[in-house]
Amino acid sequence: MSEASSSDVILSVEDLHKYFPVKRGAFGRTSGYVQAVDGVSFQVGRGQTLGVVGESGCGKTTTARIILSLERADSGRIVFNGEDILQYDRERMRGLRRNIQAIFQDPYSSLNPRKTVWDIVSEPLRVHNLYPRAELRDEVVKLLEQVGLRADHLTRYPHEFSGGQRQRIGIARAISLKPQLLVCDEPVSALDVSIRSQILNLLLDLQQELGLTYIFIAHDLSVVEHISDFVAVMYLGKVVEMAAAEEFYARPLHPYSEALLSATPVPDPETHRERIVLTGDVPSPIAPPSGCRFRTRCPLATDICAAEEPLLHDAGEGHMVACHHRG
């Protein structure tokens, strides 16, 4: 990702690892580890959007939770604005939370049903004591208007809104502290197709207006294409391909990326894309295959794929791929 590297890098994830112990038996003995995140590295430039894609269980959400400090990494570094945030103590972490916020997947469960819109959106401002009480209401109304809601929505509860409106409330809460980085964990996957483009366009408008940086996690490659500057593809805890979005969609290199893109609908009825059907199931993250983790499903697999793990290398134009037979 040379383009991101040459710009002002706001976030750098370096060799990140997170294993979850598997407990068995009456005494809860550890019988193995789920290798959820296994050596993930990437960078995000200030004001850019990195789309992270992959099947369920590939480790993209765990990576996001570590960046948000909702999970503790086993090893690695997360450098935000030049500082390793994994070394922060409780007090410094409080300040960090103002700069890194999240938009969650399900607008139905991410909002407290017992709280009004006023309670939900004003809570971060009250916790961090950012505004005098006399100015607080005006600031909350301004936030609602930024996301396409009205002042008279303040006294309503989440159940009185549609899914798209609830996600707008969640976005208003996320931007209330004026963060620099937003981690968007599949923010449109639970919404109707007719609403998704509205929310995506809102996120793009807010990025332009507020100078936000996004990590956008999704499994829908057409959504990622619409919003991302760069794309990282994950498979079984590892990043297997990274490139500028335009380059990635024009020339996917990893066989897994090709299969994902072949399953994405093409809006032009004149364009025919041959579907690549992968055989077999995703291996267990408790006991992943030797060498390349994709080799058990890969049509290009040879002996070297089982013997040696492919490392990410530059295949030209900053297009990074982890494959012995590509690039």
Protein backbone atom coordinates (compact mmCIF):
# COMPACT_ATOMS: atom_id res chain seq x y z
CA MET A 1 0.00 0.00 0.00
CA SER A 2 2.56 2.52 -1.09
CA GLU A 3 0.00 5.30 -1.60
CA ALA A 4 -1.11 5.10 2.04
CA SER A 5 2.50 4.85 3.22
CA SER A 6 3.55 7.99 1.36
CA SER A 7 0.71 10.04 2.85
CA ASP A 8 0.15 11.04 6.45
CA VAL A 9 -0.38 7.66 8.15
CA ILE A 10 -2.84 7.92 11.04
CA LEU A 11 -2.95 4.21 11.96
CA SER A 12 -0.39 1.47 11.53
CA VAL A 13 -1.17 -2.12 12.59
CA GLU A 14 1.99 -4.20 12.86
CA ASP A 15 2.18 -8.01 13.18
CA LEU A 16 -1.00 -8.24 15.27
CA HIS A 17 -1.83 -11.57 16.96
CA LYS A 18 -4.87 -12.67 18.94
CA TYR A 19 -5.51 -16.30 19.94
CA PHE A 20 -8.53 -17.42 21.94
CA PRO A 21 -8.14 -20.48 24.17
CA VAL A 22 -10.49 -23.42 23.63
CA LYS A 23 -11.64 -24.93 26.94
CA ARG A 24 -12.80 -28.53 27.23
CA GLY A 25 -13.81 -30.93 29.97
CA ALA A 26 -15.22 -30.46 33.45
CA PHE A 27 -12.10 -28.59 34.61
CA GLY A 28 -11.98 -26.23 31.64
CA ARG A 29 -8.55 -27.28 30.45
CA THR A 30 -7.15 -25.52 27.39
CA SER A 31 -7.07 -27.97 24.49
CA GLY A 32 -6.07 -25.53 21.75
CA TYR A 33 -6.29 -21.99 20.48
CA VAL A 34 -8.45 -20.28 17.87
CA GLN A 35 -5.98 -18.31 15.76
CA ALA A 36 -8.38 -15.42 15.12
CA VAL A 37 -5.74 -12.86 14.10
CA ASP A 38 -2.33 -14.18 13.09
CA GLY A 39 0.23 -11.61 12.01
CA VAL A 40 -2.01 -8.89 10.51
CA SER A 41 -0.32 -5.69 9.30
CA PHE A 42 -1.67 -2.67 7.41
CA GLN A 43 -1.64 1.13 7.33
CA VAL A 44 -4.36 3.73 6.92
CA GLY A 45 -3.67 7.24 5.65
CA ARG A 46 -5.35 10.24 7.24
CA GLY A 47 -8.68 11.00 5.59
CA GLN A 48 -8.71 7.71 3.69
CA THR A 49 -10.93 4.62 3.87
CA LEU A 50 -9.53 1.11 4.18
CA GLY A 51 -12.06 -1.57 3.29
CA VAL A 52 -11.45 -4.91 5.05
CA VAL A 53 -13.24 -7.85 3.44
CA GLY A 54 -13.45 -11.61 3.91
CA GLU A 55 -15.75 -14.45 4.90
CA SER A 56 -17.25 -14.73 8.38
CA GLY A 57 -14.62 -15.94 10.82
CA CYS A 58 -11.65 -14.51 8.91
CA GLY A 59 -10.65 -12.23 11.81
CA LYS A 60 -11.73 -8.83 10.51
CA THR A 61 -14.08 -8.04 13.42
CA THR A 62 -11.55 -9.26 16.00
CA THR A 63 -8.98 -6.93 14.44
CA ALA A 64 -11.47 -4.06 14.73
CA ARG A 65 -12.21 -4.89 18.37
CA ILE A 66 -8.49 -4.81 19.19
CA ILE A 67 -8.14 -1.39 17.52
CA LEU A 68 -11.11 -0.21 19.62
CA SER A 69 -9.49 -1.71 22.76
CA LEU A 70 -12.49 -4.02 23.26
CA GLU A 71 -10.07 -6.97 23.02
CA ARG A 72 -6.48 -7.20 24.19
CA ALA A 73 -3.89 -8.26 21.61
CA ASP A 74 -1.49 -11.09 22.44
CA SER A 75 1.32 -9.35 20.55
CA GLY A 76 2.00 -6.74 17.92
CA ARG A 77 1.69 -2.97 17.75
CA ILE A 78 -1.09 -0.52 16.91
CA VAL A 79 0.43 2.88 16.26
CA PHE A 80 -2.12 5.71 16.25
CA ASN A 81 -0.82 9.23 15.61
CA GLY A 82 2.72 7.98 16.22
CA GLU A 83 2.06 6.23 19.56
CA ASP A 84 1.60 2.54 20.35
CA ILE A 85 -1.87 2.51 21.92
CA LEU A 86 -1.48 -1.08 23.17
CA GLN A 87 0.85 0.36 25.83
CA TYR A 88 -1.67 2.94 27.08
CA ASP A 89 -2.79 2.89 30.70
CA ARG A 90 -6.42 3.45 31.76
CA GLU A 91 -6.17 7.24 31.88
CA ARG A 92 -4.57 7.61 28.45
CA MET A 93 -7.08 5.13 27.04
CA ARG A 94 -9.89 7.45 28.12
CA GLY A 95 -8.44 10.21 25.97
CA LEU A 96 -7.93 7.80 23.09
CA ARG A 97 -11.62 6.88 23.03
CA ARG A 98 -12.43 10.43 21.98
CA ASN A 99 -10.35 9.95 18.84
CA ILE A 100 -11.39 6.41 17.87
CA GLN A 101 -15.11 5.64 17.72
CA ALA A 102 -17.22 2.83 16.23
CA ILE A 103 -20.34 2.31 14.16
CA PHE A 104 -21.77 -1.13 14.80
CA GLN A 105 -23.48 -3.60 12.51
CA ASP A 106 -26.91 -3.89 14.08
CA PRO A 107 -28.72 -0.59 14.75
CA TYR A 108 -31.39 -2.56 16.62
CA SER A 109 -29.08 -3.88 19.35
CA SER A 110 -26.44 -1.12 19.48
CA LEU A 111 -28.90 1.44 20.92
CA ASN A 112 -30.30 1.19 24.44
CA PRO A 113 -34.10 0.76 24.03
CA ARG A 114 -34.72 2.45 27.40
CA LYS A 115 -32.99 5.68 26.44
CA THR A 116 -34.23 8.52 24.27
CA VAL A 117 -32.27 9.91 21.34
CA TRP A 118 -31.26 12.79 23.59
CA ASP A 119 -29.79 10.38 26.17
CA ILE A 120 -27.97 8.34 23.51
CA VAL A 121 -26.36 11.16 21.54
CA SER A 122 -25.62 13.49 24.46
CA GLU A 123 -24.08 10.79 26.70
CA PRO A 124 -20.54 10.93 25.22
CA LEU A 125 -20.56 14.73 25.47
CA ARG A 126 -21.71 14.58 29.10
CA VAL A 127 -19.20 11.86 30.05
CA HIS A 128 -16.30 13.89 28.64
CA ASN A 129 -17.79 17.18 29.89
CA LEU A 130 -17.18 18.95 26.59
CA TYR A 131 -19.94 21.57 26.63
CA PRO A 132 -21.64 23.76 29.24
CA ARG A 133 -25.16 22.56 29.97
CA ALA A 134 -26.66 25.61 28.24
CA GLU A 135 -24.92 24.72 24.95
CA LEU A 136 -25.40 20.94 25.10
CA ARG A 137 -28.85 20.82 23.50
CA ASP A 138 -27.79 22.98 20.56
CA GLU A 139 -24.81 20.72 19.92
CA VAL A 140 -26.94 17.56 19.99
CA VAL A 141 -29.47 19.11 17.58
CA LYS A 142 -26.60 20.05 15.27
CA LEU A 143 -25.38 16.43 15.34
CA LEU A 144 -28.83 15.12 14.47
CA GLU A 145 -29.15 17.54 11.56
CA GLN A 146 -25.72 16.44 10.28
CA VAL A 147 -27.00 12.88 9.92
CA GLY A 148 -30.39 13.81 8.46
CA LEU A 149 -32.59 13.77 11.59
CA ARG A 150 -34.61 16.53 13.24
CA ALA A 151 -34.72 18.24 16.62
CA ASP A 152 -38.16 16.80 17.37
CA HIS A 153 -36.61 13.30 17.33
CA LEU A 154 -34.80 14.04 20.61
CA THR A 155 -37.58 12.79 22.87
CA ARG A 156 -38.28 9.58 20.95
CA TYR A 157 -37.03 6.04 21.69
CA PRO A 158 -35.16 3.72 19.27
CA HIS A 159 -38.21 1.50 18.65
CA GLU A 160 -39.99 4.48 17.06
CA PHE A 161 -37.45 4.64 14.19
CA SER A 162 -36.72 2.61 11.08
CA GLY A 163 -33.46 0.68 10.71
CA GLY A 164 -31.87 3.40 8.61
CA GLN A 165 -32.86 6.10 11.10
CA ARG A 166 -31.45 4.06 13.98
CA GLN A 167 -28.15 3.75 12.17
CA ARG A 168 -28.17 7.53 11.70
CA ILE A 169 -28.58 7.87 15.48
CA GLY A 170 -25.60 5.55 15.95
CA ILE A 171 -23.56 7.64 13.51
CA ALA A 172 -24.50 10.85 15.35
CA ARG A 173 -23.31 9.28 18.60
CA ALA A 174 -20.06 8.14 16.92
CA ILE A 175 -19.17 11.59 15.56
CA SER A 176 -20.27 13.50 18.68
CA LEU A 177 -16.74 13.56 20.13
CA LYS A 178 -15.23 14.70 16.82
CA PRO A 179 -13.06 11.58 16.43
CA GLN A 180 -10.26 11.20 13.90
CA LEU A 181 -10.87 7.49 13.16
CA LEU A 182 -14.16 5.62 12.79
CA VAL A 183 -14.22 1.82 12.79
CA CYS A 184 -17.31 0.80 10.82
CA ASP A 185 -18.13 -2.85 11.49
CA GLU A 186 -20.50 -3.87 8.67
CA PRO A 187 -22.62 -0.72 9.21
CA VAL A 188 -25.05 -1.39 6.33
CA SER A 189 -25.31 -5.20 6.24
CA ALA A 190 -28.38 -5.24 8.52
CA LEU A 191 -30.22 -2.59 6.49
CA ASP A 192 -32.58 -2.89 3.55
CA VAL A 193 -30.85 -2.59 0.19
CA SER A 194 -32.83 0.58 -0.56
CA ILE A 195 -31.37 2.27 2.55
CA ARG A 196 -27.76 1.15 2.19
CA SER A 197 -26.78 3.71 -0.44
CA GLN A 198 -28.22 6.52 1.70
CA ILE A 199 -26.08 5.53 4.68
CA LEU A 200 -22.98 5.06 2.51
CA ASN A 201 -23.46 8.50 0.95
CA LEU A 202 -23.92 9.98 4.42
CA LEU A 203 -20.62 8.43 5.54
CA LEU A 204 -18.87 9.84 2.46
CA ASP A 205 -20.35 13.31 3.10
CA LEU A 206 -19.27 13.24 6.75
CA GLN A 207 -15.78 12.11 5.78
CA GLN A 208 -15.46 15.07 3.44
CA GLU A 209 -16.95 17.51 5.94
CA LEU A 210 -15.14 16.34 9.09
CA GLY A 211 -11.92 14.90 7.67
CA LEU A 212 -12.65 11.43 9.06
CA THR A 213 -10.62 8.29 8.48
CA TYR A 214 -12.54 5.01 8.13
CA ILE A 215 -11.78 1.35 8.59
CA PHE A 216 -14.77 -0.15 6.81
CA ILE A 217 -15.39 -3.84 7.51
CA ALA A 218 -17.73 -5.71 5.19
CA HIS A 219 -18.30 -8.94 3.31
CA ASP A 220 -20.07 -7.23 0.40
CA LEU A 221 -17.41 -6.24 -2.14
CA SER A 222 -19.77 -3.97 -4.08
CA VAL A 223 -20.29 -1.88 -0.92
CA VAL A 224 -16.55 -1.73 -0.27
CA GLU A 225 -15.91 -0.62 -3.86
CA HIS A 226 -18.28 2.33 -3.39
CA ILE A 227 -16.59 3.75 -0.31
CA SER A 228 -12.97 2.55 -0.07
CA ASP A 229 -9.64 4.04 -1.17
CA PHE A 230 -7.79 0.82 -0.33
CA VAL A 231 -8.86 -2.79 0.14
CA ALA A 232 -7.41 -5.51 2.39
CA VAL A 233 -8.61 -9.09 1.95
CA MET A 234 -8.44 -11.41 4.96
CA TYR A 235 -8.60 -15.20 5.05
CA LEU A 236 -8.37 -17.33 8.20
CA GLY A 237 -6.67 -14.68 10.33
CA LYS A 238 -4.27 -13.34 7.72
CA VAL A 239 -4.21 -10.56 5.12
CA VAL A 240 -3.75 -12.21 1.71
CA GLU A 241 -4.03 -9.14 -0.54
CA MET A 242 -3.90 -5.34 -0.25
CA ALA A 243 -4.15 -2.73 -2.97
CA ALA A 244 -5.66 0.59 -3.96
CA ALA A 245 -9.37 -0.01 -4.58
CA GLU A 246 -9.28 0.81 -8.30
CA GLU A 247 -6.29 -1.48 -8.82
CA PHE A 248 -7.81 -4.29 -6.75
CA TYR A 249 -11.13 -4.36 -8.63
CA ALA A 250 -9.41 -4.12 -12.01
CA ARG A 251 -6.72 -6.73 -11.30
CA PRO A 252 -7.32 -9.04 -8.30
CA LEU A 253 -4.29 -11.30 -7.87
CA HIS A 254 -4.97 -13.74 -5.06
CA PRO A 255 -7.15 -16.75 -6.05
CA TYR A 256 -9.35 -16.11 -3.00
CA SER A 257 -9.92 -12.49 -4.05
CA GLU A 258 -10.82 -13.65 -7.55
CA ALA A 259 -13.41 -16.04 -6.12
CA LEU A 260 -14.93 -13.32 -3.92
CA LEU A 261 -15.20 -10.89 -6.82
CA SER A 262 -16.70 -13.52 -9.12
CA ALA A 263 -19.63 -13.85 -6.69
CA THR A 264 -20.33 -10.10 -6.71
CA PRO A 265 -23.30 -9.12 -8.92
CA VAL A 266 -22.49 -6.90 -11.89
CA PRO A 267 -25.08 -4.13 -12.54
CA ASP A 268 -24.45 -4.12 -16.31
CA PRO A 269 -26.54 -6.92 -17.91
CA GLU A 270 -24.19 -6.95 -20.90
CA THR A 271 -21.21 -7.85 -18.71
CA HIS A 272 -20.72 -11.54 -17.96
CA ARG A 273 -18.48 -12.59 -15.08
CA GLU A 274 -17.56 -16.25 -14.79
CA ARG A 275 -18.36 -17.58 -11.33
CA ILE A 276 -15.50 -19.29 -9.47
CA VAL A 277 -16.88 -21.92 -7.08
CA LEU A 278 -14.47 -22.87 -4.29
CA THR A 279 -14.47 -26.50 -3.20
CA GLY A 280 -14.43 -27.60 0.42
CA ASP A 281 -15.07 -25.67 3.61
CA VAL A 282 -12.99 -23.07 5.41
CA PRO A 283 -10.48 -24.98 7.59
CA SER A 284 -10.71 -24.73 11.36
CA PRO A 285 -8.85 -21.73 12.80
CA ILE A 286 -7.84 -24.04 15.68
CA ALA A 287 -5.72 -26.16 13.32
CA PRO A 288 -5.12 -24.21 10.08
CA PRO A 289 -3.32 -25.89 7.16
CA SER A 290 0.47 -25.71 6.90
CA GLY A 291 2.01 -23.24 4.50
CA CYS A 292 -0.66 -21.25 2.69
CA ARG A 293 -3.94 -21.34 4.60
CA PHE A 294 -5.94 -21.13 1.39
CA ARG A 295 -4.22 -24.06 -0.31
CA THR A 296 -6.90 -26.64 0.61
CA ARG A 297 -9.40 -24.73 -1.56
CA CYS A 298 -7.06 -23.18 -4.13
CA PRO A 299 -7.04 -24.31 -7.79
CA LEU A 300 -3.39 -23.20 -8.12
CA ALA A 301 -2.03 -25.12 -5.10
CA THR A 302 1.24 -27.05 -5.51
CA ASP A 303 3.75 -28.69 -3.14
CA ILE A 304 5.40 -25.38 -2.23
CA CYS A 305 2.05 -24.08 -0.95
CA ALA A 306 2.01 -26.79 1.74
CA ALA A 307 5.69 -26.44 2.58
CA GLU A 308 6.11 -22.66 2.81
CA GLU A 309 3.84 -19.87 3.98
CA PRO A 310 3.62 -17.15 1.29
CA LEU A 311 4.51 -13.68 2.51
CA LEU A 312 2.95 -10.46 1.32
CA HIS A 313 5.07 -9.05 -1.48
CA ASP A 314 4.72 -6.13 -3.89
CA ALA A 315 3.46 -7.29 -7.28
CA GLY A 316 3.80 -3.79 -8.71
CA GLU A 317 2.13 -0.40 -8.10
CA GLY A 318 1.95 -1.13 -4.37
CA HIS A 319 -0.30 -4.14 -5.00
CA MET A 320 0.54 -6.59 -2.18
CA VAL A 321 -0.30 -10.29 -2.47
CA ALA A 322 0.54 -13.41 -0.43
CA CYS A 323 0.72 -16.12 -3.09
CA HIS A 324 3.55 -18.28 -4.43
CA HIS A 325 2.05 -18.26 -7.93
CA ARG A 326 0.99 -14.64 -8.35
CA GLY A 327 2.94 -11.42 -8.66
